[in-house]
């Protein structure tokens, strides 16, 4: 069974080796508190996964729901799972987990 056209399951960051300017440009696309969360990871591989995950979440919300990047608010559950903290009037489900 084929996945729906808007279904993304993973990001392969194994071969991704961003330059320092590219890394910082991508990191600056996140709110400061998320930049700090990404930087807390000790290993570069974990930082890359964290950055890619956060950017993908924002990209999907932007593409699927037409929300401006600056208006996207991703919060965390008590179990640290991300969810889109959307405006009350939005018809989208509150969580994609």
N, C-alpha and C. Protein backbone atom coordinates (compact mmCIF):
# COMPACT_ATOMS: atom_id res chain seq x y z
N UNK A 1 0.85 -1.18 0.00
CA UNK A 1 0.00 0.00 0.00
C UNK A 1 0.89 1.24 0.00
N UNK A 2 0.67 2.09 -0.94
CA UNK A 2 1.48 3.31 -1.06
C UNK A 2 1.07 4.33 -0.01
N UNK A 3 2.04 5.08 0.46
CA UNK A 3 1.76 6.13 1.44
C UNK A 3 1.06 7.29 0.74
N UNK A 4 0.22 8.02 1.47
CA UNK A 4 -0.42 9.20 0.88
C UNK A 4 0.64 10.18 0.39
N UNK A 5 0.32 11.01 -0.60
CA UNK A 5 1.33 11.90 -1.17
C UNK A 5 1.92 12.90 -0.18
N UNK A 6 1.22 13.21 0.89
CA UNK A 6 1.73 14.18 1.87
C UNK A 6 2.32 13.49 3.10
N UNK A 7 2.64 12.22 2.98
CA UNK A 7 3.16 11.47 4.12
C UNK A 7 4.68 11.42 4.05
N UNK A 8 5.33 11.90 5.09
CA UNK A 8 6.78 11.81 5.21
C UNK A 8 7.09 11.04 6.47
N UNK A 9 7.95 10.06 6.38
CA UNK A 9 8.22 9.18 7.50
C UNK A 9 9.57 9.42 8.17
N UNK A 10 10.56 9.84 7.42
CA UNK A 10 11.89 9.99 8.00
C UNK A 10 12.73 10.95 7.18
N UNK A 11 13.81 11.36 7.77
CA UNK A 11 14.79 12.19 7.08
C UNK A 11 16.14 11.51 7.26
N UNK A 12 16.83 11.26 6.18
CA UNK A 12 18.15 10.63 6.23
C UNK A 12 19.21 11.73 6.29
N UNK A 13 19.81 11.89 7.45
CA UNK A 13 20.83 12.94 7.61
C UNK A 13 22.24 12.36 7.61
N UNK A 14 22.35 11.07 7.34
CA UNK A 14 23.64 10.38 7.38
C UNK A 14 24.69 11.07 6.51
N UNK A 15 24.35 11.36 5.28
CA UNK A 15 25.32 11.94 4.35
C UNK A 15 25.33 13.47 4.38
N UNK A 16 24.43 14.07 5.14
CA UNK A 16 24.34 15.52 5.18
C UNK A 16 25.49 16.08 6.01
N UNK A 17 26.31 16.91 5.40
CA UNK A 17 27.45 17.51 6.08
C UNK A 17 27.44 19.01 5.81
N UNK A 18 26.58 19.75 6.52
CA UNK A 18 26.45 21.18 6.23
C UNK A 18 27.71 21.95 6.64
N UNK A 19 27.99 22.98 5.86
CA UNK A 19 29.08 23.88 6.23
C UNK A 19 28.64 24.66 7.46
N UNK A 20 29.58 25.30 8.12
CA UNK A 20 29.25 26.09 9.30
C UNK A 20 28.25 27.20 8.99
N UNK A 21 28.44 27.97 7.90
CA UNK A 21 27.44 29.01 7.58
C UNK A 21 26.05 28.42 7.29
N UNK A 22 26.02 27.29 6.57
CA UNK A 22 24.73 26.65 6.28
C UNK A 22 24.05 26.19 7.57
N UNK A 23 24.83 25.57 8.45
CA UNK A 23 24.29 25.09 9.73
C UNK A 23 23.68 26.24 10.53
N UNK A 24 24.41 27.32 10.65
CA UNK A 24 23.93 28.46 11.44
C UNK A 24 22.72 29.13 10.79
N UNK A 25 22.70 29.18 9.46
CA UNK A 25 21.54 29.75 8.77
C UNK A 25 20.29 28.92 9.03
N UNK A 26 20.43 27.60 9.00
CA UNK A 26 19.28 26.73 9.28
C UNK A 26 18.86 26.82 10.74
N UNK A 27 19.83 26.85 11.62
CA UNK A 27 19.54 26.94 13.06
C UNK A 27 18.79 28.23 13.39
N UNK A 28 19.15 29.31 12.72
CA UNK A 28 18.49 30.60 12.97
C UNK A 28 17.02 30.62 12.54
N UNK A 29 16.59 29.63 11.78
CA UNK A 29 15.18 29.56 11.39
C UNK A 29 14.30 29.09 12.54
N UNK A 30 14.91 28.59 13.60
CA UNK A 30 14.16 28.12 14.76
C UNK A 30 14.08 29.20 15.82
N UNK A 31 13.05 29.15 16.67
CA UNK A 31 13.02 30.07 17.82
C UNK A 31 14.23 29.81 18.73
N UNK A 32 14.63 30.81 19.48
CA UNK A 32 15.82 30.71 20.31
C UNK A 32 15.78 29.51 21.25
N UNK A 33 14.63 29.23 21.88
CA UNK A 33 14.58 28.11 22.83
C UNK A 33 14.82 26.78 22.12
N UNK A 34 14.42 26.66 20.86
CA UNK A 34 14.67 25.42 20.13
C UNK A 34 16.12 25.36 19.64
N UNK A 35 16.70 26.50 19.32
CA UNK A 35 18.13 26.53 18.97
C UNK A 35 18.95 26.00 20.14
N UNK A 36 18.58 26.42 21.35
CA UNK A 36 19.29 25.97 22.55
C UNK A 36 19.09 24.48 22.79
N UNK A 37 17.89 23.97 22.50
CA UNK A 37 17.64 22.54 22.66
C UNK A 37 18.51 21.72 21.70
N UNK A 38 18.63 22.18 20.47
CA UNK A 38 19.46 21.49 19.48
C UNK A 38 20.92 21.51 19.94
N UNK A 39 21.39 22.64 20.42
CA UNK A 39 22.79 22.79 20.83
C UNK A 39 23.14 21.97 22.06
N UNK A 40 22.15 21.57 22.85
CA UNK A 40 22.42 20.79 24.06
C UNK A 40 22.90 19.37 23.77
N UNK A 41 22.60 18.87 22.57
CA UNK A 41 23.04 17.51 22.25
C UNK A 41 24.56 17.49 22.13
N UNK A 42 25.17 16.46 22.69
CA UNK A 42 26.62 16.38 22.75
C UNK A 42 27.23 16.01 21.41
N UNK A 43 26.60 15.10 20.69
CA UNK A 43 27.17 14.59 19.46
C UNK A 43 26.57 15.29 18.24
N UNK A 44 27.42 15.52 17.23
CA UNK A 44 26.98 16.22 16.02
C UNK A 44 25.83 15.47 15.34
N UNK A 45 25.88 14.15 15.33
CA UNK A 45 24.81 13.36 14.70
C UNK A 45 23.47 13.66 15.37
N UNK A 46 23.46 13.73 16.69
CA UNK A 46 22.22 14.00 17.42
C UNK A 46 21.75 15.43 17.17
N UNK A 47 22.67 16.37 17.06
CA UNK A 47 22.30 17.75 16.74
C UNK A 47 21.68 17.83 15.35
N UNK A 48 22.26 17.10 14.39
CA UNK A 48 21.71 17.09 13.03
C UNK A 48 20.30 16.52 13.03
N UNK A 49 20.08 15.42 13.74
CA UNK A 49 18.75 14.82 13.80
C UNK A 49 17.75 15.77 14.45
N UNK A 50 18.16 16.43 15.51
CA UNK A 50 17.27 17.36 16.21
C UNK A 50 16.91 18.54 15.31
N UNK A 51 17.90 19.09 14.62
CA UNK A 51 17.64 20.22 13.74
C UNK A 51 16.74 19.81 12.58
N UNK A 52 17.04 18.69 11.95
CA UNK A 52 16.23 18.22 10.82
C UNK A 52 14.79 17.96 11.26
N UNK A 53 14.62 17.36 12.42
CA UNK A 53 13.28 17.08 12.93
C UNK A 53 12.47 18.35 13.13
N UNK A 54 13.08 19.33 13.76
CA UNK A 54 12.37 20.58 14.03
C UNK A 54 12.05 21.35 12.75
N UNK A 55 12.98 21.34 11.80
CA UNK A 55 12.73 22.02 10.53
C UNK A 55 11.65 21.30 9.73
N UNK A 56 11.67 19.97 9.76
CA UNK A 56 10.66 19.20 9.03
C UNK A 56 9.26 19.44 9.60
N UNK A 57 9.15 19.50 10.91
CA UNK A 57 7.85 19.78 11.54
C UNK A 57 7.29 21.10 11.02
N UNK A 58 8.12 22.11 11.01
CA UNK A 58 7.68 23.43 10.55
C UNK A 58 7.35 23.44 9.05
N UNK A 59 8.18 22.75 8.30
CA UNK A 59 7.95 22.69 6.85
C UNK A 59 6.61 22.01 6.54
N UNK A 60 6.31 20.92 7.21
CA UNK A 60 5.05 20.22 6.96
C UNK A 60 3.84 21.07 7.33
N UNK A 61 3.90 21.74 8.45
CA UNK A 61 2.78 22.61 8.85
C UNK A 61 2.60 23.73 7.83
N UNK A 62 3.71 24.30 7.40
CA UNK A 62 3.66 25.37 6.40
C UNK A 62 3.06 24.86 5.09
N UNK A 63 3.53 23.73 4.59
CA UNK A 63 3.08 23.20 3.31
C UNK A 63 1.64 22.68 3.36
N UNK A 64 1.29 21.95 4.41
CA UNK A 64 -0.03 21.31 4.46
C UNK A 64 -1.14 22.25 4.90
N UNK A 65 -0.81 23.23 5.75
CA UNK A 65 -1.86 24.08 6.31
C UNK A 65 -1.70 25.56 5.94
N UNK A 66 -0.64 25.88 5.20
CA UNK A 66 -0.45 27.25 4.74
C UNK A 66 -0.13 28.25 5.82
N UNK A 67 0.43 27.80 6.92
CA UNK A 67 0.77 28.68 8.04
C UNK A 67 2.16 29.28 7.80
N UNK A 68 2.30 30.58 8.01
CA UNK A 68 3.60 31.22 7.89
C UNK A 68 4.55 30.63 8.93
N UNK A 69 5.82 30.50 8.56
CA UNK A 69 6.81 29.92 9.47
C UNK A 69 6.85 30.66 10.81
N UNK A 70 6.77 31.98 10.76
CA UNK A 70 6.84 32.77 11.99
C UNK A 70 5.64 32.55 12.90
N UNK A 71 4.54 32.07 12.36
CA UNK A 71 3.32 31.86 13.15
C UNK A 71 3.22 30.45 13.71
N UNK A 72 4.15 29.58 13.37
CA UNK A 72 4.10 28.19 13.83
C UNK A 72 4.66 28.10 15.24
N UNK A 73 3.86 27.55 16.14
CA UNK A 73 4.27 27.37 17.53
C UNK A 73 4.22 25.88 17.85
N UNK A 74 5.38 25.28 18.05
CA UNK A 74 5.45 23.87 18.39
C UNK A 74 5.78 23.78 19.87
N UNK A 75 4.90 23.11 20.59
CA UNK A 75 5.08 22.93 22.03
C UNK A 75 5.40 21.46 22.30
N UNK A 76 5.61 21.13 23.55
CA UNK A 76 5.94 19.76 23.95
C UNK A 76 4.98 19.29 25.04
N UNK A 77 4.62 18.01 24.96
CA UNK A 77 3.78 17.40 25.99
C UNK A 77 4.65 17.16 27.23
N UNK A 78 4.04 16.78 28.36
CA UNK A 78 4.86 16.43 29.53
C UNK A 78 5.85 15.29 29.25
N UNK A 79 5.53 14.46 28.24
CA UNK A 79 6.42 13.37 27.85
C UNK A 79 7.45 13.82 26.81
N UNK A 80 7.48 15.12 26.52
CA UNK A 80 8.42 15.75 25.59
C UNK A 80 8.13 15.43 24.12
N UNK A 81 6.90 15.07 23.79
CA UNK A 81 6.52 14.84 22.40
C UNK A 81 6.06 16.17 21.79
N UNK A 82 6.52 16.46 20.57
CA UNK A 82 6.14 17.73 19.95
C UNK A 82 4.70 17.71 19.44
N UNK A 83 4.05 18.86 19.52
CA UNK A 83 2.74 19.02 18.89
C UNK A 83 2.60 20.47 18.45
N UNK A 84 1.76 20.66 17.47
CA UNK A 84 1.50 21.99 16.92
C UNK A 84 0.51 22.69 17.83
N UNK A 85 0.94 23.73 18.47
CA UNK A 85 0.07 24.53 19.33
C UNK A 85 -0.61 25.55 18.43
N UNK A 86 -1.69 25.09 17.83
CA UNK A 86 -2.36 25.87 16.80
C UNK A 86 -3.39 26.82 17.37
N UNK A 87 -3.78 27.81 16.59
CA UNK A 87 -4.86 28.70 17.01
C UNK A 87 -6.15 27.91 17.18
N UNK A 88 -6.99 28.33 18.08
CA UNK A 88 -8.24 27.62 18.39
C UNK A 88 -9.12 27.46 17.16
N UNK A 89 -9.15 28.44 16.29
CA UNK A 89 -10.04 28.39 15.13
C UNK A 89 -9.54 27.47 14.01
N UNK A 90 -8.35 26.92 14.13
CA UNK A 90 -7.78 26.07 13.10
C UNK A 90 -8.51 24.72 13.04
N UNK A 91 -8.85 24.23 11.82
CA UNK A 91 -9.56 22.96 11.69
C UNK A 91 -8.65 21.74 11.80
N UNK A 92 -7.36 21.93 11.87
CA UNK A 92 -6.43 20.80 11.89
C UNK A 92 -6.42 20.13 13.26
N UNK A 93 -6.08 18.84 13.30
CA UNK A 93 -5.96 18.16 14.60
C UNK A 93 -4.82 18.76 15.41
N UNK A 94 -4.89 18.73 16.73
CA UNK A 94 -3.87 19.38 17.57
C UNK A 94 -2.55 18.64 17.63
N UNK A 95 -2.51 17.36 17.26
CA UNK A 95 -1.29 16.59 17.40
C UNK A 95 -1.15 15.61 16.25
N UNK A 96 0.07 15.40 15.80
CA UNK A 96 0.28 14.41 14.73
C UNK A 96 0.99 13.17 15.26
N UNK A 97 1.12 13.02 16.55
CA UNK A 97 1.76 11.84 17.13
C UNK A 97 0.81 10.68 17.18
